[in-house]
Amino acid sequence: VEEVFDGYAVPATGPLEERWVPPD
């Protein structure tokens, strides 16, 4: 995210946006 996107991104742990992601 920092080196490729210059910080203009967030790391992803899965394919869904945050509102669907469980806390774990």
mmCIF file of all heavy atoms, coordinates in Angstrom:
data_MODEL
# 
_entry.id   MODEL 
# 
loop_
_atom_site.group_PDB 
_atom_site.id 
_atom_site.type_symbol 
_atom_site.label_atom_id 
_atom_site.label_alt_id 
_atom_site.label_comp_id 
_atom_site.label_asym_id 
_atom_site.label_entity_id 
_atom_site.label_seq_id 
_atom_site.pdbx_PDB_ins_code 
_atom_site.Cartn_x 
_atom_site.Cartn_y 
_atom_site.Cartn_z 
_atom_site.occupancy 
_atom_site.B_iso_or_equiv 
_atom_site.pdbx_formal_charge 
_atom_site.auth_seq_id 
_atom_site.auth_comp_id 
_atom_site.auth_asym_id 
_atom_site.auth_atom_id 
_atom_site.pdbx_PDB_model_num 
ATOM 1   N N   . VAL A 1 1  ? 0.837   -1.207  0.000  1.00 0.00 ? 1  VAL A N   1 
ATOM 2   C CA  . VAL A 1 1  ? 0.000   0.000   0.000  1.00 0.00 ? 1  VAL A CA  1 
ATOM 3   C C   . VAL A 1 1  ? 0.866   1.250   0.000  1.00 0.00 ? 1  VAL A C   1 
ATOM 4   O O   . VAL A 1 1  ? 0.581   2.224   -0.722 1.00 0.00 ? 1  VAL A O   1 
ATOM 5   C CB  . VAL A 1 1  ? -0.957  -0.013  1.210  1.00 0.00 ? 1  VAL A CB  1 
ATOM 6   C CG1 . VAL A 1 1  ? -1.540  1.372   1.461  1.00 0.00 ? 1  VAL A CG1 1 
ATOM 7   C CG2 . VAL A 1 1  ? -2.078  -1.022  0.988  1.00 0.00 ? 1  VAL A CG2 1 
ATOM 8   N N   . GLU A 1 2  ? 1.936   1.235   0.772  1.00 0.00 ? 2  GLU A N   1 
ATOM 9   C CA  . GLU A 1 2  ? 2.789   2.414   0.862  1.00 0.00 ? 2  GLU A CA  1 
ATOM 10  C C   . GLU A 1 2  ? 3.661   2.587   -0.379 1.00 0.00 ? 2  GLU A C   1 
ATOM 11  O O   . GLU A 1 2  ? 3.808   3.711   -0.884 1.00 0.00 ? 2  GLU A O   1 
ATOM 12  C CB  . GLU A 1 2  ? 3.678   2.323   2.108  1.00 0.00 ? 2  GLU A CB  1 
ATOM 13  C CG  . GLU A 1 2  ? 2.910   2.415   3.417  1.00 0.00 ? 2  GLU A CG  1 
ATOM 14  C CD  . GLU A 1 2  ? 2.096   3.693   3.530  1.00 0.00 ? 2  GLU A CD  1 
ATOM 15  O OE1 . GLU A 1 2  ? 2.610   4.768   3.126  1.00 0.00 ? 2  GLU A OE1 1 
ATOM 16  O OE2 . GLU A 1 2  ? 0.946   3.623   3.994  1.00 0.00 ? 2  GLU A OE2 1 
ATOM 17  N N   . GLU A 1 3  ? 4.247   1.511   -0.860 1.00 0.00 ? 3  GLU A N   1 
ATOM 18  C CA  . GLU A 1 3  ? 5.234   1.617   -1.931 1.00 0.00 ? 3  GLU A CA  1 
ATOM 19  C C   . GLU A 1 3  ? 4.614   1.586   -3.330 1.00 0.00 ? 3  GLU A C   1 
ATOM 20  O O   . GLU A 1 3  ? 5.081   2.277   -4.234 1.00 0.00 ? 3  GLU A O   1 
ATOM 21  C CB  . GLU A 1 3  ? 6.266   0.487   -1.798 1.00 0.00 ? 3  GLU A CB  1 
ATOM 22  C CG  . GLU A 1 3  ? 7.046   0.516   -0.501 1.00 0.00 ? 3  GLU A CG  1 
ATOM 23  C CD  . GLU A 1 3  ? 7.943   1.736   -0.390 1.00 0.00 ? 3  GLU A CD  1 
ATOM 24  O OE1 . GLU A 1 3  ? 8.227   2.371   -1.420 1.00 0.00 ? 3  GLU A OE1 1 
ATOM 25  O OE2 . GLU A 1 3  ? 8.355   2.059   0.734  1.00 0.00 ? 3  GLU A OE2 1 
ATOM 26  N N   . VAL A 1 4  ? 3.582   0.765   -3.533 1.00 0.00 ? 4  VAL A N   1 
ATOM 27  C CA  . VAL A 1 4  ? 2.961   0.654   -4.856 1.00 0.00 ? 4  VAL A CA  1 
ATOM 28  C C   . VAL A 1 4  ? 1.887   1.716   -5.047 1.00 0.00 ? 4  VAL A C   1 
ATOM 29  O O   . VAL A 1 4  ? 1.805   2.348   -6.102 1.00 0.00 ? 4  VAL A O   1 
ATOM 30  C CB  . VAL A 1 4  ? 2.367   -0.758  -5.059 1.00 0.00 ? 4  VAL A CB  1 
ATOM 31  C CG1 . VAL A 1 4  ? 1.547   -0.827  -6.344 1.00 0.00 ? 4  VAL A CG1 1 
ATOM 32  C CG2 . VAL A 1 4  ? 3.480   -1.808  -5.085 1.00 0.00 ? 4  VAL A CG2 1 
ATOM 33  N N   . PHE A 1 5  ? 1.069   1.931   -4.009 1.00 0.00 ? 5  PHE A N   1 
ATOM 34  C CA  . PHE A 1 5  ? -0.067  2.844   -4.128 1.00 0.00 ? 5  PHE A CA  1 
ATOM 35  C C   . PHE A 1 5  ? 0.210   4.219   -3.503 1.00 0.00 ? 5  PHE A C   1 
ATOM 36  O O   . PHE A 1 5  ? -0.707  5.043   -3.435 1.00 0.00 ? 5  PHE A O   1 
ATOM 37  C CB  . PHE A 1 5  ? -1.308  2.235   -3.468 1.00 0.00 ? 5  PHE A CB  1 
ATOM 38  C CG  . PHE A 1 5  ? -1.830  1.002   -4.149 1.00 0.00 ? 5  PHE A CG  1 
ATOM 39  C CD1 . PHE A 1 5  ? -1.419  -0.254  -3.737 1.00 0.00 ? 5  PHE A CD1 1 
ATOM 40  C CD2 . PHE A 1 5  ? -2.719  1.094   -5.202 1.00 0.00 ? 5  PHE A CD2 1 
ATOM 41  C CE1 . PHE A 1 5  ? -1.899  -1.399  -4.357 1.00 0.00 ? 5  PHE A CE1 1 
ATOM 42  C CE2 . PHE A 1 5  ? -3.208  -0.042  -5.826 1.00 0.00 ? 5  PHE A CE2 1 
ATOM 43  C CZ  . PHE A 1 5  ? -2.793  -1.299  -5.404 1.00 0.00 ? 5  PHE A CZ  1 
ATOM 44  N N   . ASP A 1 6  ? 1.417   4.441   -3.022 1.00 0.00 ? 6  ASP A N   1 
ATOM 45  C CA  . ASP A 1 6  ? 1.750   5.710   -2.363 1.00 0.00 ? 6  ASP A CA  1 
ATOM 46  C C   . ASP A 1 6  ? 0.798   6.037   -1.231 1.00 0.00 ? 6  ASP A C   1 
ATOM 47  O O   . ASP A 1 6  ? 0.497   7.206   -0.958 1.00 0.00 ? 6  ASP A O   1 
ATOM 48  C CB  . ASP A 1 6  ? 1.756   6.862   -3.375 1.00 0.00 ? 6  ASP A CB  1 
ATOM 49  C CG  . ASP A 1 6  ? 2.903   6.753   -4.362 1.00 0.00 ? 6  ASP A CG  1 
ATOM 50  O OD1 . ASP A 1 6  ? 3.941   6.177   -3.993 1.00 0.00 ? 6  ASP A OD1 1 
ATOM 51  O OD2 . ASP A 1 6  ? 2.755   7.246   -5.502 1.00 0.00 ? 6  ASP A OD2 1 
ATOM 52  N N   . GLY A 1 7  ? 0.274   5.009   -0.574 1.00 0.00 ? 7  GLY A N   1 
ATOM 53  C CA  . GLY A 1 7  ? -0.643  5.204   0.532  1.00 0.00 ? 7  GLY A CA  1 
ATOM 54  C C   . GLY A 1 7  ? -2.088  5.396   0.121  1.00 0.00 ? 7  GLY A C   1 
ATOM 55  O O   . GLY A 1 7  ? -2.974  5.453   0.987  1.00 0.00 ? 7  GLY A O   1 
ATOM 56  N N   . TYR A 1 8  ? -2.371  5.462   -1.177 1.00 0.00 ? 8  TYR A N   1 
ATOM 57  C CA  . TYR A 1 8  ? -3.738  5.661   -1.653 1.00 0.00 ? 8  TYR A CA  1 
ATOM 58  C C   . TYR A 1 8  ? -4.460  4.321   -1.793 1.00 0.00 ? 8  TYR A C   1 
ATOM 59  O O   . TYR A 1 8  ? -4.941  3.943   -2.863 1.00 0.00 ? 8  TYR A O   1 
ATOM 60  C CB  . TYR A 1 8  ? -3.741  6.396   -2.997 1.00 0.00 ? 8  TYR A CB  1 
ATOM 61  C CG  . TYR A 1 8  ? -3.384  7.857   -2.920 1.00 0.00 ? 8  TYR A CG  1 
ATOM 62  C CD1 . TYR A 1 8  ? -2.072  8.274   -3.116 1.00 0.00 ? 8  TYR A CD1 1 
ATOM 63  C CD2 . TYR A 1 8  ? -4.344  8.825   -2.642 1.00 0.00 ? 8  TYR A CD2 1 
ATOM 64  C CE1 . TYR A 1 8  ? -1.727  9.616   -3.052 1.00 0.00 ? 8  TYR A CE1 1 
ATOM 65  C CE2 . TYR A 1 8  ? -4.015  10.164  -2.575 1.00 0.00 ? 8  TYR A CE2 1 
ATOM 66  C CZ  . TYR A 1 8  ? -2.707  10.560  -2.772 1.00 0.00 ? 8  TYR A CZ  1 
ATOM 67  O OH  . TYR A 1 8  ? -2.368  11.892  -2.700 1.00 0.00 ? 8  TYR A OH  1 
ATOM 68  N N   . ALA A 1 9  ? -4.551  3.575   -0.717 1.00 0.00 ? 9  ALA A N   1 
ATOM 69  C CA  . ALA A 1 9  ? -5.214  2.271   -0.705 1.00 0.00 ? 9  ALA A CA  1 
ATOM 70  C C   . ALA A 1 9  ? -5.255  1.782   0.736  1.00 0.00 ? 9  ALA A C   1 
ATOM 71  O O   . ALA A 1 9  ? -4.611  2.349   1.626  1.00 0.00 ? 9  ALA A O   1 
ATOM 72  C CB  . ALA A 1 9  ? -4.464  1.272   -1.586 1.00 0.00 ? 9  ALA A CB  1 
ATOM 73  N N   . VAL A 1 10 ? -6.021  0.722   0.976  1.00 0.00 ? 10 VAL A N   1 
ATOM 74  C CA  . VAL A 1 10 ? -6.009  0.040   2.277  1.00 0.00 ? 10 VAL A CA  1 
ATOM 75  C C   . VAL A 1 10 ? -5.793  -1.442  2.028  1.00 0.00 ? 10 VAL A C   1 
ATOM 76  O O   . VAL A 1 10 ? -6.312  -2.012  1.065  1.00 0.00 ? 10 VAL A O   1 
ATOM 77  C CB  . VAL A 1 10 ? -7.319  0.259   3.064  1.00 0.00 ? 10 VAL A CB  1 
ATOM 78  C CG1 . VAL A 1 10 ? -7.478  1.702   3.479  1.00 0.00 ? 10 VAL A CG1 1 
ATOM 79  C CG2 . VAL A 1 10 ? -8.532  -0.210  2.270  1.00 0.00 ? 10 VAL A CG2 1 
ATOM 80  N N   . PRO A 1 11 ? -5.011  -2.117  2.890  1.00 0.00 ? 11 PRO A N   1 
ATOM 81  C CA  . PRO A 1 11 ? -4.817  -3.561  2.726  1.00 0.00 ? 11 PRO A CA  1 
ATOM 82  C C   . PRO A 1 11 ? -6.137  -4.305  2.866  1.00 0.00 ? 11 PRO A C   1 
ATOM 83  O O   . PRO A 1 11 ? -7.025  -3.897  3.620  1.00 0.00 ? 11 PRO A O   1 
ATOM 84  C CB  . PRO A 1 11 ? -3.854  -3.918  3.871  1.00 0.00 ? 11 PRO A CB  1 
ATOM 85  C CG  . PRO A 1 11 ? -3.220  -2.622  4.265  1.00 0.00 ? 11 PRO A CG  1 
ATOM 86  C CD  . PRO A 1 11 ? -4.257  -1.570  4.025  1.00 0.00 ? 11 PRO A CD  1 
ATOM 87  N N   . ALA A 1 12 ? -6.260  -5.397  2.141  1.00 0.00 ? 12 ALA A N   1 
ATOM 88  C CA  . ALA A 1 12 ? -7.493  -6.179  2.154  1.00 0.00 ? 12 ALA A CA  1 
ATOM 89  C C   . ALA A 1 12 ? -7.217  -7.585  2.663  1.00 0.00 ? 12 ALA A C   1 
ATOM 90  O O   . ALA A 1 12 ? -6.230  -8.217  2.275  1.00 0.00 ? 12 ALA A O   1 
ATOM 91  C CB  . ALA A 1 12 ? -8.092  -6.252  0.750  1.00 0.00 ? 12 ALA A CB  1 
ATOM 92  N N   . THR A 1 13 ? -8.084  -8.065  3.527  1.00 0.00 ? 13 THR A N   1 
ATOM 93  C CA  . THR A 1 13 ? -7.987  -9.446  4.002  1.00 0.00 ? 13 THR A CA  1 
ATOM 94  C C   . THR A 1 13 ? -8.990  -10.353 3.302  1.00 0.00 ? 13 THR A C   1 
ATOM 95  O O   . THR A 1 13 ? -8.982  -11.566 3.505  1.00 0.00 ? 13 THR A O   1 
ATOM 96  C CB  . THR A 1 13 ? -8.228  -9.522  5.516  1.00 0.00 ? 13 THR A CB  1 
ATOM 97  O OG1 . THR A 1 13 ? -9.560  -9.057  5.808  1.00 0.00 ? 13 THR A OG1 1 
ATOM 98  C CG2 . THR A 1 13 ? -7.228  -8.653  6.259  1.00 0.00 ? 13 THR A CG2 1 
ATOM 99  N N   . GLY A 1 14 ? -9.856  -9.758  2.490  1.00 0.00 ? 14 GLY A N   1 
ATOM 100 C CA  . GLY A 1 14 ? -10.860 -10.521 1.760  1.00 0.00 ? 14 GLY A CA  1 
ATOM 101 C C   . GLY A 1 14 ? -11.512 -9.641  0.717  1.00 0.00 ? 14 GLY A C   1 
ATOM 102 O O   . GLY A 1 14 ? -11.170 -8.455  0.583  1.00 0.00 ? 14 GLY A O   1 
ATOM 103 N N   . PRO A 1 15 ? -12.482 -10.185 -0.034 1.00 0.00 ? 15 PRO A N   1 
ATOM 104 C CA  . PRO A 1 15 ? -13.040 -9.456  -1.176 1.00 0.00 ? 15 PRO A CA  1 
ATOM 105 C C   . PRO A 1 15 ? -14.161 -8.479  -0.861 1.00 0.00 ? 15 PRO A C   1 
ATOM 106 O O   . PRO A 1 15 ? -14.583 -7.744  -1.750 1.00 0.00 ? 15 PRO A O   1 
ATOM 107 C CB  . PRO A 1 15 ? -13.572 -10.594 -2.055 1.00 0.00 ? 15 PRO A CB  1 
ATOM 108 C CG  . PRO A 1 15 ? -13.946 -11.671 -1.080 1.00 0.00 ? 15 PRO A CG  1 
ATOM 109 C CD  . PRO A 1 15 ? -12.936 -11.589 0.017  1.00 0.00 ? 15 PRO A CD  1 
ATOM 110 N N   . LEU A 1 16 ? -14.663 -8.437  0.374  1.00 0.00 ? 16 LEU A N   1 
ATOM 111 C CA  . LEU A 1 16 ? -15.813 -7.591  0.692  1.00 0.00 ? 16 LEU A CA  1 
ATOM 112 C C   . LEU A 1 16 ? -15.370 -6.318  1.405  1.00 0.00 ? 16 LEU A C   1 
ATOM 113 O O   . LEU A 1 16 ? -14.362 -6.300  2.119  1.00 0.00 ? 16 LEU A O   1 
ATOM 114 C CB  . LEU A 1 16 ? -16.816 -8.348  1.565  1.00 0.00 ? 16 LEU A CB  1 
ATOM 115 C CG  . LEU A 1 16 ? -17.453 -9.587  0.935  1.00 0.00 ? 16 LEU A CG  1 
ATOM 116 C CD1 . LEU A 1 16 ? -18.417 -10.248 1.922  1.00 0.00 ? 16 LEU A CD1 1 
ATOM 117 C CD2 . LEU A 1 16 ? -18.173 -9.242  -0.361 1.00 0.00 ? 16 LEU A CD2 1 
ATOM 118 N N   . GLU A 1 17 ? -16.157 -5.250  1.222  1.00 0.00 ? 17 GLU A N   1 
ATOM 119 C CA  . GLU A 1 17 ? -15.838 -4.003  1.906  1.00 0.00 ? 17 GLU A CA  1 
ATOM 120 C C   . GLU A 1 17 ? -16.058 -4.156  3.405  1.00 0.00 ? 17 GLU A C   1 
ATOM 121 O O   . GLU A 1 17 ? -16.721 -5.082  3.879  1.00 0.00 ? 17 GLU A O   1 
ATOM 122 C CB  . GLU A 1 17 ? -16.671 -2.861  1.335  1.00 0.00 ? 17 GLU A CB  1 
ATOM 123 C CG  . GLU A 1 17 ? -18.170 -3.016  1.458  1.00 0.00 ? 17 GLU A CG  1 
ATOM 124 C CD  . GLU A 1 17 ? -18.910 -1.902  0.737  1.00 0.00 ? 17 GLU A CD  1 
ATOM 125 O OE1 . GLU A 1 17 ? -18.257 -0.950  0.274  1.00 0.00 ? 17 GLU A OE1 1 
ATOM 126 O OE2 . GLU A 1 17 ? -20.146 -1.975  0.642  1.00 0.00 ? 17 GLU A OE2 1 
ATOM 127 N N   . GLU A 1 18 ? -15.515 -3.208  4.156  1.00 0.00 ? 18 GLU A N   1 
ATOM 128 C CA  . GLU A 1 18 ? -15.347 -3.372  5.602  1.00 0.00 ? 18 GLU A CA  1 
ATOM 129 C C   . GLU A 1 18 ? -16.639 -3.661  6.342  1.00 0.00 ? 18 GLU A C   1 
ATOM 130 O O   . GLU A 1 18 ? -16.643 -4.407  7.326  1.00 0.00 ? 18 GLU A O   1 
ATOM 131 C CB  . GLU A 1 18 ? -14.680 -2.122  6.188  1.00 0.00 ? 18 GLU A CB  1 
ATOM 132 C CG  . GLU A 1 18 ? -14.312 -2.263  7.647  1.00 0.00 ? 18 GLU A CG  1 
ATOM 133 C CD  . GLU A 1 18 ? -13.536 -1.068  8.167  1.00 0.00 ? 18 GLU A CD  1 
ATOM 134 O OE1 . GLU A 1 18 ? -13.225 -0.166  7.360  1.00 0.00 ? 18 GLU A OE1 1 
ATOM 135 O OE2 . GLU A 1 18 ? -13.243 -1.035  9.371  1.00 0.00 ? 18 GLU A OE2 1 
ATOM 136 N N   . ARG A 1 19 ? -17.751 -3.122  5.910  1.00 0.00 ? 19 ARG A N   1 
ATOM 137 C CA  . ARG A 1 19 ? -18.988 -3.297  6.676  1.00 0.00 ? 19 ARG A CA  1 
ATOM 138 C C   . ARG A 1 19 ? -19.439 -4.747  6.745  1.00 0.00 ? 19 ARG A C   1 
ATOM 139 O O   . ARG A 1 19 ? -20.255 -5.115  7.586  1.00 0.00 ? 19 ARG A O   1 
ATOM 140 C CB  . ARG A 1 19 ? -20.106 -2.424  6.102  1.00 0.00 ? 19 ARG A CB  1 
ATOM 141 C CG  . ARG A 1 19 ? -20.568 -2.787  4.702  1.00 0.00 ? 19 ARG A CG  1 
ATOM 142 C CD  . ARG A 1 19 ? -21.461 -1.704  4.128  1.00 0.00 ? 19 ARG A CD  1 
ATOM 143 N NE  . ARG A 1 19 ? -21.875 -1.966  2.773  1.00 0.00 ? 19 ARG A NE  1 
ATOM 144 C CZ  . ARG A 1 19 ? -23.066 -2.454  2.432  1.00 0.00 ? 19 ARG A CZ  1 
ATOM 145 N NH1 . ARG A 1 19 ? -23.960 -2.718  3.368  1.00 0.00 ? 19 ARG A NH1 1 
ATOM 146 N NH2 . ARG A 1 19 ? -23.375 -2.644  1.164  1.00 0.00 ? 19 ARG A NH2 1 
ATOM 147 N N   . TRP A 1 20 ? -18.915 -5.597  5.845  1.00 0.00 ? 20 TRP A N   1 
ATOM 148 C CA  . TRP A 1 20 ? -19.274 -7.015  5.852  1.00 0.00 ? 20 TRP A CA  1 
ATOM 149 C C   . TRP A 1 20 ? -18.228 -7.890  6.555  1.00 0.00 ? 20 TRP A C   1 
ATOM 150 O O   . TRP A 1 20 ? -18.446 -9.084  6.735  1.00 0.00 ? 20 TRP A O   1 
ATOM 151 C CB  . TRP A 1 20 ? -19.448 -7.518  4.427  1.00 0.00 ? 20 TRP A CB  1 
ATOM 152 C CG  . TRP A 1 20 ? -20.623 -6.950  3.697  1.00 0.00 ? 20 TRP A CG  1 
ATOM 153 C CD1 . TRP A 1 20 ? -20.612 -5.992  2.734  1.00 0.00 ? 20 TRP A CD1 1 
ATOM 154 C CD2 . TRP A 1 20 ? -21.998 -7.314  3.874  1.00 0.00 ? 20 TRP A CD2 1 
ATOM 155 N NE1 . TRP A 1 20 ? -21.892 -5.728  2.291  1.00 0.00 ? 20 TRP A NE1 1 
ATOM 156 C CE2 . TRP A 1 20 ? -22.761 -6.529  2.976  1.00 0.00 ? 20 TRP A CE2 1 
ATOM 157 C CE3 . TRP A 1 20 ? -22.660 -8.223  4.701  1.00 0.00 ? 20 TRP A CE3 1 
ATOM 158 C CZ2 . TRP A 1 20 ? -24.140 -6.640  2.887  1.00 0.00 ? 20 TRP A CZ2 1 
ATOM 159 C CZ3 . TRP A 1 20 ? -24.048 -8.332  4.616  1.00 0.00 ? 20 TRP A CZ3 1 
ATOM 160 C CH2 . TRP A 1 20 ? -24.767 -7.540  3.717  1.00 0.00 ? 20 TRP A CH2 1 
ATOM 161 N N   . VAL A 1 21 ? -17.089 -7.316  6.931  1.00 0.00 ? 21 VAL A N   1 
ATOM 162 C CA  . VAL A 1 21 ? -15.970 -8.109  7.444  1.00 0.00 ? 21 VAL A CA  1 
ATOM 163 C C   . VAL A 1 21 ? -16.111 -8.312  8.949  1.00 0.00 ? 21 VAL A C   1 
ATOM 164 O O   . VAL A 1 21 ? -16.274 -7.337  9.697  1.00 0.00 ? 21 VAL A O   1 
ATOM 165 C CB  . VAL A 1 21 ? -14.631 -7.416  7.131  1.00 0.00 ? 21 VAL A CB  1 
ATOM 166 C CG1 . VAL A 1 21 ? -13.456 -8.227  7.698  1.00 0.00 ? 21 VAL A CG1 1 
ATOM 167 C CG2 . VAL A 1 21 ? -14.468 -7.235  5.628  1.00 0.00 ? 21 VAL A CG2 1 
ATOM 168 N N   . PRO A 1 22 ? -16.045 -9.560  9.456  1.00 0.00 ? 22 PRO A N   1 
ATOM 169 C CA  . PRO A 1 22 ? -16.125 -9.784  10.902 1.00 0.00 ? 22 PRO A CA  1 
ATOM 170 C C   . PRO A 1 22 ? -14.863 -9.268  11.592 1.00 0.00 ? 22 PRO A C   1 
ATOM 171 O O   . PRO A 1 22 ? -13.781 -9.209  10.986 1.00 0.00 ? 22 PRO A O   1 
ATOM 172 C CB  . PRO A 1 22 ? -16.238 -11.309 11.012 1.00 0.00 ? 22 PRO A CB  1 
ATOM 173 C CG  . PRO A 1 22 ? -15.608 -11.844 9.772  1.00 0.00 ? 22 PRO A CG  1 
ATOM 174 C CD  . PRO A 1 22 ? -15.913 -10.823 8.705  1.00 0.00 ? 22 PRO A CD  1 
ATOM 175 N N   . PRO A 1 23 ? -14.954 -8.889  12.875 1.00 0.00 ? 23 PRO A N   1 
ATOM 176 C CA  . PRO A 1 23 ? -13.806 -8.292  13.569 1.00 0.00 ? 23 PRO A CA  1 
ATOM 177 C C   . PRO A 1 23 ? -12.547 -9.155  13.548 1.00 0.00 ? 23 PRO A C   1 
ATOM 178 O O   . PRO A 1 23 ? -11.437 -8.619  13.491 1.00 0.00 ? 23 PRO A O   1 
ATOM 179 C CB  . PRO A 1 23 ? -14.327 -8.103  15.007 1.00 0.00 ? 23 PRO A CB  1 
ATOM 180 C CG  . PRO A 1 23 ? -15.810 -7.951  14.844 1.00 0.00 ? 23 PRO A CG  1 
ATOM 181 C CD  . PRO A 1 23 ? -16.174 -8.863  13.711 1.00 0.00 ? 23 PRO A CD  1 
ATOM 182 N N   . ASP A 1 24 ? -12.684 -10.464 13.578 1.00 0.00 ? 24 ASP A N   1 
ATOM 183 C CA  . ASP A 1 24 ? -11.498 -11.324 13.617 1.00 0.00 ? 24 ASP A CA  1 
ATOM 184 C C   . ASP A 1 24 ? -10.743 -11.342 12.291 1.00 0.00 ? 24 ASP A C   1 
ATOM 185 O O   . ASP A 1 24 ? -9.628  -11.881 12.228 1.00 0.00 ? 24 ASP A O   1 
ATOM 186 C CB  . ASP A 1 24 ? -11.872 -12.752 14.025 1.00 0.00 ? 24 ASP A CB  1 
ATOM 187 C CG  . ASP A 1 24 ? -12.904 -13.378 13.109 1.00 0.00 ? 24 ASP A CG  1 
ATOM 188 O OD1 . ASP A 1 24 ? -14.006 -12.816 12.982 1.00 0.00 ? 24 ASP A OD1 1 
ATOM 189 O OD2 . ASP A 1 24 ? -12.605 -14.422 12.505 1.00 0.00 ? 24 ASP A OD2 1 
# 
